[in-house]
């Protein structure tokens, strides 16, 4: 399945040229069947994974595995991380 242009840009920006093929293969493990049959949900989960992994392939793999169990977890973790960054307590 194809990534959104924004997610593709993030992959190209955050990961080395050598890592891009294995990053793409890892992200392709997430299917719409695991995201409530929604390409929109899949794209949101991938965006969250890319943001949370910060260019670390091992972290990306761990997040993909978590998303395959429940994609909403990675979206929620991204939300918490984003909230913490924009609204420190």
PDB file of N, CA and C in Angstrom:
ATOM      1  N   UNK A   1       0.831  -1.179   0.000  1.00  0.00           N
ATOM      2  CA  UNK A   1       0.000   0.000   0.000  1.00  0.00           C
ATOM      3  C   UNK A   1       0.876   1.242   0.000  1.00  0.00           C
ATOM      4  N   UNK A   2       0.408   2.255  -0.617  1.00  0.00           N
ATOM      5  CA  UNK A   2       1.185   3.478  -0.767  1.00  0.00           C
ATOM      6  C   UNK A   2       1.086   4.347   0.488  1.00  0.00           C
ATOM      7  N   UNK A   3       2.171   5.030   0.775  1.00  0.00           N
ATOM      8  CA  UNK A   3       2.183   5.992   1.868  1.00  0.00           C
ATOM      9  C   UNK A   3       1.739   7.350   1.347  1.00  0.00           C
ATOM     10  N   UNK A   4       1.233   8.172   2.257  1.00  0.00           N
ATOM     11  CA  UNK A   4       0.900   9.544   1.873  1.00  0.00           C
ATOM     12  C   UNK A   4       2.187  10.281   1.543  1.00  0.00           C
ATOM     13  N   UNK A   5       2.073  11.362   0.820  1.00  0.00           N
ATOM     14  CA  UNK A   5       3.246  12.161   0.466  1.00  0.00           C
ATOM     15  C   UNK A   5       3.939  12.686   1.721  1.00  0.00           C
ATOM     16  N   UNK A   6       3.163  13.087   2.713  1.00  0.00           N
ATOM     17  CA  UNK A   6       3.733  13.594   3.960  1.00  0.00           C
ATOM     18  C   UNK A   6       4.539  12.496   4.664  1.00  0.00           C
ATOM     19  N   UNK A   7       3.985  11.274   4.735  1.00  0.00           N
ATOM     20  CA  UNK A   7       4.709  10.182   5.380  1.00  0.00           C
ATOM     21  C   UNK A   7       5.956   9.803   4.587  1.00  0.00           C
ATOM     22  N   UNK A   8       5.876   9.820   3.267  1.00  0.00           N
ATOM     23  CA  UNK A   8       7.055   9.547   2.440  1.00  0.00           C
ATOM     24  C   UNK A   8       8.151  10.582   2.688  1.00  0.00           C
ATOM     25  N   UNK A   9       7.766  11.830   2.796  1.00  0.00           N
ATOM     26  CA  UNK A   9       8.726  12.891   3.065  1.00  0.00           C
ATOM     27  C   UNK A   9       9.406  12.666   4.418  1.00  0.00           C
ATOM     28  N   UNK A  10       8.626  12.278   5.409  1.00  0.00           N
ATOM     29  CA  UNK A  10       9.191  12.006   6.729  1.00  0.00           C
ATOM     30  C   UNK A  10      10.181  10.855   6.673  1.00  0.00           C
ATOM     31  N   UNK A  11       9.844   9.797   5.952  1.00  0.00           N
ATOM     32  CA  UNK A  11      10.762   8.659   5.812  1.00  0.00           C
ATOM     33  C   UNK A  11      12.066   9.133   5.186  1.00  0.00           C
ATOM     34  N   UNK A  12      11.970   9.887   4.121  1.00  0.00           N
ATOM     35  CA  UNK A  12      13.176  10.365   3.419  1.00  0.00           C
ATOM     36  C   UNK A  12      14.005  11.324   4.268  1.00  0.00           C
ATOM     37  N   UNK A  13      13.349  12.095   5.109  1.00  0.00           N
ATOM     38  CA  UNK A  13      14.029  13.077   5.944  1.00  0.00           C
ATOM     39  C   UNK A  13      14.662  12.445   7.184  1.00  0.00           C
ATOM     40  N   UNK A  14      13.935  11.528   7.812  1.00  0.00           N
ATOM     41  CA  UNK A  14      14.357  11.009   9.116  1.00  0.00           C
ATOM     42  C   UNK A  14      15.277   9.794   9.050  1.00  0.00           C
ATOM     43  N   UNK A  15      15.269   9.075   7.945  1.00  0.00           N
ATOM     44  CA  UNK A  15      16.039   7.837   7.864  1.00  0.00           C
ATOM     45  C   UNK A  15      17.108   7.943   6.783  1.00  0.00           C
ATOM     46  N   UNK A  16      18.178   7.187   6.982  1.00  0.00           N
ATOM     47  CA  UNK A  16      19.264   7.186   5.993  1.00  0.00           C
ATOM     48  C   UNK A  16      18.791   6.517   4.708  1.00  0.00           C
ATOM     49  N   UNK A  17      19.461   6.832   3.630  1.00  0.00           N
ATOM     50  CA  UNK A  17      19.139   6.262   2.322  1.00  0.00           C
ATOM     51  C   UNK A  17      19.169   4.728   2.365  1.00  0.00           C
ATOM     52  N   UNK A  18      20.124   4.181   3.123  1.00  0.00           N
ATOM     53  CA  UNK A  18      20.248   2.727   3.228  1.00  0.00           C
ATOM     54  C   UNK A  18      19.079   2.112   3.992  1.00  0.00           C
ATOM     55  N   UNK A  19      18.520   2.852   4.956  1.00  0.00           N
ATOM     56  CA  UNK A  19      17.423   2.325   5.778  1.00  0.00           C
ATOM     57  C   UNK A  19      16.061   2.404   5.101  1.00  0.00           C
ATOM     58  N   UNK A  20      15.912   3.252   4.111  1.00  0.00           N
ATOM     59  CA  UNK A  20      14.590   3.498   3.525  1.00  0.00           C
ATOM     60  C   UNK A  20      13.902   2.209   3.047  1.00  0.00           C
ATOM     61  N   UNK A  21      14.574   1.311   2.322  1.00  0.00           N
ATOM     62  CA  UNK A  21      13.864   0.095   1.885  1.00  0.00           C
ATOM     63  C   UNK A  21      13.334  -0.744   3.047  1.00  0.00           C
ATOM     64  N   UNK A  22      14.115  -0.878   4.113  1.00  0.00           N
ATOM     65  CA  UNK A  22      13.619  -1.701   5.224  1.00  0.00           C
ATOM     66  C   UNK A  22      12.582  -0.956   6.057  1.00  0.00           C
ATOM     67  N   UNK A  23      12.658   0.370   6.103  1.00  0.00           N
ATOM     68  CA  UNK A  23      11.602   1.163   6.754  1.00  0.00           C
ATOM     69  C   UNK A  23      10.292   0.972   6.002  1.00  0.00           C
ATOM     70  N   UNK A  24      10.349   1.082   4.692  1.00  0.00           N
ATOM     71  CA  UNK A  24       9.138   0.912   3.877  1.00  0.00           C
ATOM     72  C   UNK A  24       8.556  -0.493   4.046  1.00  0.00           C
ATOM     73  N   UNK A  25       9.417  -1.500   4.061  1.00  0.00           N
ATOM     74  CA  UNK A  25       8.953  -2.887   4.238  1.00  0.00           C
ATOM     75  C   UNK A  25       8.291  -3.062   5.599  1.00  0.00           C
ATOM     76  N   UNK A  26       8.877  -2.455   6.604  1.00  0.00           N
ATOM     77  CA  UNK A  26       8.315  -2.558   7.955  1.00  0.00           C
ATOM     78  C   UNK A  26       6.954  -1.868   8.021  1.00  0.00           C
ATOM     79  N   UNK A  27       6.850  -0.675   7.450  1.00  0.00           N
ATOM     80  CA  UNK A  27       5.570   0.039   7.466  1.00  0.00           C
ATOM     81  C   UNK A  27       4.500  -0.694   6.661  1.00  0.00           C
ATOM     82  N   UNK A  28       4.907  -1.398   5.624  1.00  0.00           N
ATOM     83  CA  UNK A  28       3.954  -2.174   4.817  1.00  0.00           C
ATOM     84  C   UNK A  28       3.346  -3.344   5.583  1.00  0.00           C
ATOM     85  N   UNK A  29       3.941  -3.686   6.723  1.00  0.00           N
ATOM     86  CA  UNK A  29       3.370  -4.758   7.547  1.00  0.00           C
ATOM     87  C   UNK A  29       2.022  -4.356   8.139  1.00  0.00           C
ATOM     88  N   UNK A  30       1.779  -3.051   8.245  1.00  0.00           N
ATOM     89  CA  UNK A  30       0.500  -2.576   8.788  1.00  0.00           C
ATOM     90  C   UNK A  30      -0.517  -2.538   7.651  1.00  0.00           C
ATOM     91  N   UNK A  31      -1.580  -3.285   7.812  1.00  0.00           N
ATOM     92  CA  UNK A  31      -2.611  -3.357   6.773  1.00  0.00           C
ATOM     93  C   UNK A  31      -3.887  -2.660   7.239  1.00  0.00           C
ATOM     94  N   UNK A  32      -4.750  -2.376   6.299  1.00  0.00           N
ATOM     95  CA  UNK A  32      -6.025  -1.759   6.671  1.00  0.00           C
ATOM     96  C   UNK A  32      -6.876  -2.718   7.501  1.00  0.00           C
ATOM     97  N   UNK A  33      -6.654  -4.015   7.360  1.00  0.00           N
ATOM     98  CA  UNK A  33      -7.390  -4.983   8.188  1.00  0.00           C
ATOM     99  C   UNK A  33      -7.093  -4.750   9.670  1.00  0.00           C
ATOM    100  N   UNK A  34      -5.903  -4.231   9.974  1.00  0.00           N
ATOM    101  CA  UNK A  34      -5.520  -3.970  11.355  1.00  0.00           C
ATOM    102  C   UNK A  34      -5.883  -2.564  11.812  1.00  0.00           C
ATOM    103  N   UNK A  35      -6.421  -1.768  10.912  1.00  0.00           N
ATOM    104  CA  UNK A  35      -6.798  -0.392  11.244  1.00  0.00           C
ATOM    105  C   UNK A  35      -8.274  -0.153  10.956  1.00  0.00           C
ATOM    106  N   UNK A  36      -9.085  -1.131  11.316  1.00  0.00           N
ATOM    107  CA  UNK A  36     -10.541  -1.045  11.172  1.00  0.00           C
ATOM    108  C   UNK A  36     -10.948  -0.818   9.719  1.00  0.00           C
ATOM    109  N   UNK A  37     -10.230  -1.464   8.808  1.00  0.00           N
ATOM    110  CA  UNK A  37     -10.497  -1.369   7.366  1.00  0.00           C
ATOM    111  C   UNK A  37     -10.510   0.065   6.852  1.00  0.00           C
ATOM    112  N   UNK A  38      -9.618   0.875   7.415  1.00  0.00           N
ATOM    113  CA  UNK A  38      -9.577   2.292   7.052  1.00  0.00           C
ATOM    114  C   UNK A  38      -8.165   2.707   6.642  1.00  0.00           C
ATOM    115  N   UNK A  39      -8.030   3.171   5.425  1.00  0.00           N
ATOM    116  CA  UNK A  39      -6.749   3.695   4.955  1.00  0.00           C
ATOM    117  C   UNK A  39      -6.383   4.964   5.735  1.00  0.00           C
ATOM    118  N   UNK A  40      -7.389   5.750   6.089  1.00  0.00           N
ATOM    119  CA  UNK A  40      -7.162   6.967   6.894  1.00  0.00           C
ATOM    120  C   UNK A  40      -6.529   6.595   8.240  1.00  0.00           C
ATOM    121  N   UNK A  41      -7.088   5.591   8.917  1.00  0.00           N
ATOM    122  CA  UNK A  41      -6.523   5.150  10.196  1.00  0.00           C
ATOM    123  C   UNK A  41      -5.109   4.613  10.012  1.00  0.00           C
ATOM    124  N   UNK A  42      -4.888   3.887   8.935  1.00  0.00           N
ATOM    125  CA  UNK A  42      -3.560   3.346   8.645  1.00  0.00           C
ATOM    126  C   UNK A  42      -2.557   4.485   8.472  1.00  0.00           C
ATOM    127  N   UNK A  43      -2.924   5.493   7.703  1.00  0.00           N
ATOM    128  CA  UNK A  43      -2.035   6.633   7.489  1.00  0.00           C
ATOM    129  C   UNK A  43      -1.755   7.386   8.786  1.00  0.00           C
ATOM    130  N   UNK A  44      -2.769   7.521   9.633  1.00  0.00           N
ATOM    131  CA  UNK A  44      -2.569   8.179  10.930  1.00  0.00           C
ATOM    132  C   UNK A  44      -1.625   7.370  11.806  1.00  0.00           C
ATOM    133  N   UNK A  45      -1.788   6.060  11.830  1.00  0.00           N
ATOM    134  CA  UNK A  45      -0.910   5.200  12.631  1.00  0.00           C
ATOM    135  C   UNK A  45       0.524   5.293  12.122  1.00  0.00           C
ATOM    136  N   UNK A  46       0.707   5.274  10.809  1.00  0.00           N
ATOM    137  CA  UNK A  46       2.050   5.374  10.236  1.00  0.00           C
ATOM    138  C   UNK A  46       2.673   6.727  10.555  1.00  0.00           C
ATOM    139  N   UNK A  47       1.890   7.786  10.458  1.00  0.00           N
ATOM    140  CA  UNK A  47       2.394   9.108  10.817  1.00  0.00           C
ATOM    141  C   UNK A  47       2.832   9.165  12.277  1.00  0.00           C
ATOM    142  N   UNK A  48       2.046   8.560  13.158  1.00  0.00           N
ATOM    143  CA  UNK A  48       2.401   8.524  14.577  1.00  0.00           C
ATOM    144  C   UNK A  48       3.680   7.717  14.790  1.00  0.00           C
ATOM    145  N   UNK A  49       3.791   6.593  14.117  1.00  0.00           N
ATOM    146  CA  UNK A  49       4.987   5.750  14.224  1.00  0.00           C
ATOM    147  C   UNK A  49       6.220   6.509  13.766  1.00  0.00           C
ATOM    148  N   UNK A  50       6.116   7.179  12.650  1.00  0.00           N
ATOM    149  CA  UNK A  50       7.258   7.930  12.135  1.00  0.00           C
ATOM    150  C   UNK A  50       7.661   9.049  13.091  1.00  0.00           C
ATOM    151  N   UNK A  51       6.694   9.724  13.646  1.00  0.00           N
ATOM    152  CA  UNK A  51       6.985  10.811  14.577  1.00  0.00           C
ATOM    153  C   UNK A  51       7.625  10.280  15.849  1.00  0.00           C
ATOM    154  N   UNK A  52       7.062   9.233  16.408  1.00  0.00           N
ATOM    155  CA  UNK A  52       7.574   8.682  17.661  1.00  0.00           C
ATOM    156  C   UNK A  52       8.935   8.017  17.507  1.00  0.00           C
ATOM    157  N   UNK A  53       9.204   7.436  16.361  1.00  0.00           N
ATOM    158  CA  UNK A  53      10.461   6.703  16.176  1.00  0.00           C
ATOM    159  C   UNK A  53      11.654   7.637  15.988  1.00  0.00           C
ATOM    160  N   UNK A  54      11.413   8.859  15.532  1.00  0.00           N
ATOM    161  CA  UNK A  54      12.474   9.876  15.387  1.00  0.00           C
ATOM    162  C   UNK A  54      13.700   9.345  14.644  1.00  0.00           C
ATOM    163  N   UNK A  55      13.471   8.580  13.581  1.00  0.00           N
ATOM    164  CA  UNK A  55      14.574   8.097  12.759  1.00  0.00           C
ATOM    165  C   UNK A  55      15.281   6.865  13.286  1.00  0.00           C
ATOM    166  N   UNK A  56      14.783   6.279  14.354  1.00  0.00           N
ATOM    167  CA  UNK A  56      15.391   5.083  14.949  1.00  0.00           C
ATOM    168  C   UNK A  56      14.660   3.845  14.422  1.00  0.00           C
ATOM    169  N   UNK A  57      15.358   3.057  13.603  1.00  0.00           N
ATOM    170  CA  UNK A  57      14.712   1.918  12.961  1.00  0.00           C
ATOM    171  C   UNK A  57      14.229   0.881  13.971  1.00  0.00           C
ATOM    172  N   UNK A  58      14.991   0.614  15.001  1.00  0.00           N
ATOM    173  CA  UNK A  58      14.570  -0.373  16.007  1.00  0.00           C
ATOM    174  C   UNK A  58      13.295   0.087  16.711  1.00  0.00           C
ATOM    175  N   UNK A  59      13.217   1.375  17.023  1.00  0.00           N
ATOM    176  CA  UNK A  59      12.004   1.913  17.642  1.00  0.00           C
ATOM    177  C   UNK A  59      10.828   1.815  16.666  1.00  0.00           C
ATOM    178  N   UNK A  60      11.072   2.091  15.406  1.00  0.00           N
ATOM    179  CA  UNK A  60      10.028   1.973  14.391  1.00  0.00           C
ATOM    180  C   UNK A  60       9.488   0.545  14.357  1.00  0.00           C
ATOM    181  N   UNK A  61      10.376  -0.438  14.386  1.00  0.00           N
ATOM    182  CA  UNK A  61       9.943  -1.843  14.381  1.00  0.00           C
ATOM    183  C   UNK A  61       9.068  -2.152  15.591  1.00  0.00           C
ATOM    184  N   UNK A  62       9.474  -1.680  16.767  1.00  0.00           N
ATOM    185  CA  UNK A  62       8.685  -1.908  17.979  1.00  0.00           C
ATOM    186  C   UNK A  62       7.301  -1.260  17.878  1.00  0.00           C
ATOM    187  N   UNK A  63       7.267  -0.063  17.328  1.00  0.00           N
ATOM    188  CA  UNK A  63       5.990   0.643  17.186  1.00  0.00           C
ATOM    189  C   UNK A  63       5.088  -0.028  16.148  1.00  0.00           C
ATOM    190  N   UNK A  64       5.666  -0.537  15.070  1.00  0.00           N
ATOM    191  CA  UNK A  64       4.868  -1.272  14.074  1.00  0.00           C
ATOM    192  C   UNK A  64       4.252  -2.508  14.717  1.00  0.00           C
ATOM    193  N   UNK A  65       5.038  -3.217  15.504  1.00  0.00           N
ATOM    194  CA  UNK A  65       4.519  -4.404  16.196  1.00  0.00           C
ATOM    195  C   UNK A  65       3.362  -4.021  17.112  1.00  0.00           C
ATOM    196  N   UNK A  66       3.515  -2.924  17.845  1.00  0.00           N
ATOM    197  CA  UNK A  66       2.433  -2.452  18.721  1.00  0.00           C
ATOM    198  C   UNK A  66       1.204  -2.074  17.907  1.00  0.00           C
ATOM    199  N   UNK A  67       1.412  -1.404  16.777  1.00  0.00           N
ATOM    200  CA  UNK A  67       0.291  -0.974  15.940  1.00  0.00           C
ATOM    201  C   UNK A  67      -0.454  -2.166  15.349  1.00  0.00           C
ATOM    202  N   UNK A  68       0.245  -3.242  15.080  1.00  0.00           N
ATOM    203  CA  UNK A  68      -0.406  -4.427  14.543  1.00  0.00           C
ATOM    204  C   UNK A  68      -1.319  -5.062  15.597  1.00  0.00           C
ATOM    205  N   UNK A  69      -0.996  -4.846  16.871  1.00  0.00           N
ATOM    206  CA  UNK A  69      -1.851  -5.341  17.948  1.00  0.00           C
ATOM    207  C   UNK A  69      -3.056  -4.416  18.122  1.00  0.00           C
ATOM    208  N   UNK A  70      -2.783  -3.113  18.219  1.00  0.00           N
ATOM    209  CA  UNK A  70      -3.866  -2.117  18.308  1.00  0.00           C
ATOM    210  C   UNK A  70      -3.308  -0.770  17.862  1.00  0.00           C
ATOM    211  N   UNK A  71      -3.656  -0.366  16.655  1.00  0.00           N
ATOM    212  CA  UNK A  71      -3.114   0.858  16.063  1.00  0.00           C
ATOM    213  C   UNK A  71      -3.428   2.094  16.889  1.00  0.00           C
ATOM    214  N   UNK A  72      -4.519   2.024  17.658  1.00  0.00           N
ATOM    215  CA  UNK A  72      -4.918   3.193  18.446  1.00  0.00           C
ATOM    216  C   UNK A  72      -3.903   3.513  19.531  1.00  0.00           C
ATOM    217  N   UNK A  73      -3.159   2.504  19.975  1.00  0.00           N
ATOM    218  CA  UNK A  73      -2.135   2.738  20.989  1.00  0.00           C
ATOM    219  C   UNK A  73      -1.087   3.726  20.498  1.00  0.00           C
ATOM    220  N   UNK A  74      -0.545   3.487  19.299  1.00  0.00           N
ATOM    221  CA  UNK A  74       0.514   4.380  18.812  1.00  0.00           C
ATOM    222  C   UNK A  74      -0.011   5.777  18.548  1.00  0.00           C
ATOM    223  N   UNK A  75      -1.251   5.891  18.110  1.00  0.00           N
ATOM    224  CA  UNK A  75      -1.844   7.216  17.907  1.00  0.00           C
ATOM    225  C   UNK A  75      -1.992   7.926  19.255  1.00  0.00           C
ATOM    226  N   UNK A  76      -2.405   7.195  20.269  1.00  0.00           N
ATOM    227  CA  UNK A  76      -2.545   7.774  21.606  1.00  0.00           C
ATOM    228  C   UNK A  76      -1.184   8.179  22.168  1.00  0.00           C
ATOM    229  N   UNK A  77      -0.172   7.340  21.996  1.00  0.00           N
ATOM    230  CA  UNK A  77       1.170   7.678  22.473  1.00  0.00           C
ATOM    231  C   UNK A  77       1.678   8.937  21.779  1.00  0.00           C
ATOM    232  N   UNK A  78       1.402   9.039  20.472  1.00  0.00           N
ATOM    233  CA  UNK A  78       1.801  10.240  19.736  1.00  0.00           C
ATOM    234  C   UNK A  78       1.081  11.463  20.300  1.00  0.00           C
ATOM    235  N   UNK A  79      -0.216  11.317  20.568  1.00  0.00           N
ATOM    236  CA  UNK A  79      -1.003  12.405  21.140  1.00  0.00           C
ATOM    237  C   UNK A  79      -0.405  12.855  22.473  1.00  0.00           C
ATOM    238  N   UNK A  80      -0.074  11.894  23.333  1.00  0.00           N
ATOM    239  CA  UNK A  80       0.511  12.247  24.643  1.00  0.00           C
ATOM    240  C   UNK A  80       1.853  12.951  24.478  1.00  0.00           C
ATOM    241  N   UNK A  81       2.681  12.453  23.576  1.00  0.00           N
ATOM    242  CA  UNK A  81       3.986  13.064  23.320  1.00  0.00           C
ATOM    243  C   UNK A  81       3.819  14.485  22.791  1.00  0.00           C
ATOM    244  N   UNK A  82       2.882  14.659  21.883  1.00  0.00           N
ATOM    245  CA  UNK A  82       2.611  15.969  21.300  1.00  0.00           C
ATOM    246  C   UNK A  82       2.047  16.924  22.350  1.00  0.00           C
ATOM    247  N   UNK A  83       1.161  16.428  23.172  1.00  0.00           N
ATOM    248  CA  UNK A  83       0.573  17.258  24.226  1.00  0.00           C
ATOM    249  C   UNK A  83       1.636  17.696  25.220  1.00  0.00           C
ATOM    250  N   UNK A  84       2.525  16.776  25.575  1.00  0.00           N
ATOM    251  CA  UNK A  84       3.600  17.089  26.519  1.00  0.00           C
ATOM    252  C   UNK A  84       4.521  18.170  25.947  1.00  0.00           C
ATOM    253  N   UNK A  85       4.771  18.090  24.641  1.00  0.00           N
ATOM    254  CA  UNK A  85       5.672  19.059  24.004  1.00  0.00           C
ATOM    255  C   UNK A  85       5.029  20.437  23.884  1.00  0.00           C
ATOM    256  N   UNK A  86       3.723  20.486  23.679  1.00  0.00           N
ATOM    257  CA  UNK A  86       3.057  21.764  23.459  1.00  0.00           C
ATOM    258  C   UNK A  86       2.442  22.356  24.730  1.00  0.00           C
ATOM    259  N   UNK A  87       2.213  21.518  25.746  1.00  0.00           N
ATOM    260  CA  UNK A  87       1.597  21.984  26.982  1.00  0.00           C
ATOM    261  C   UNK A  87       2.309  21.379  28.198  1.00  0.00           C
ATOM    262  N   UNK A  88       3.548  21.786  28.438  1.00  0.00           N
ATOM    263  CA  UNK A  88       4.245  21.227  29.605  1.00  0.00           C
ATOM    264  C   UNK A  88       3.540  21.619  30.892  1.00  0.00           C
ATOM    265  N   UNK A  89       3.571  20.704  31.818  1.00  0.00           N
ATOM    266  CA  UNK A  89       2.880  20.977  33.099  1.00  0.00           C
ATOM    267  C   UNK A  89       3.745  21.735  34.064  1.00  0.00           C
TER     268      UNK A  89
END
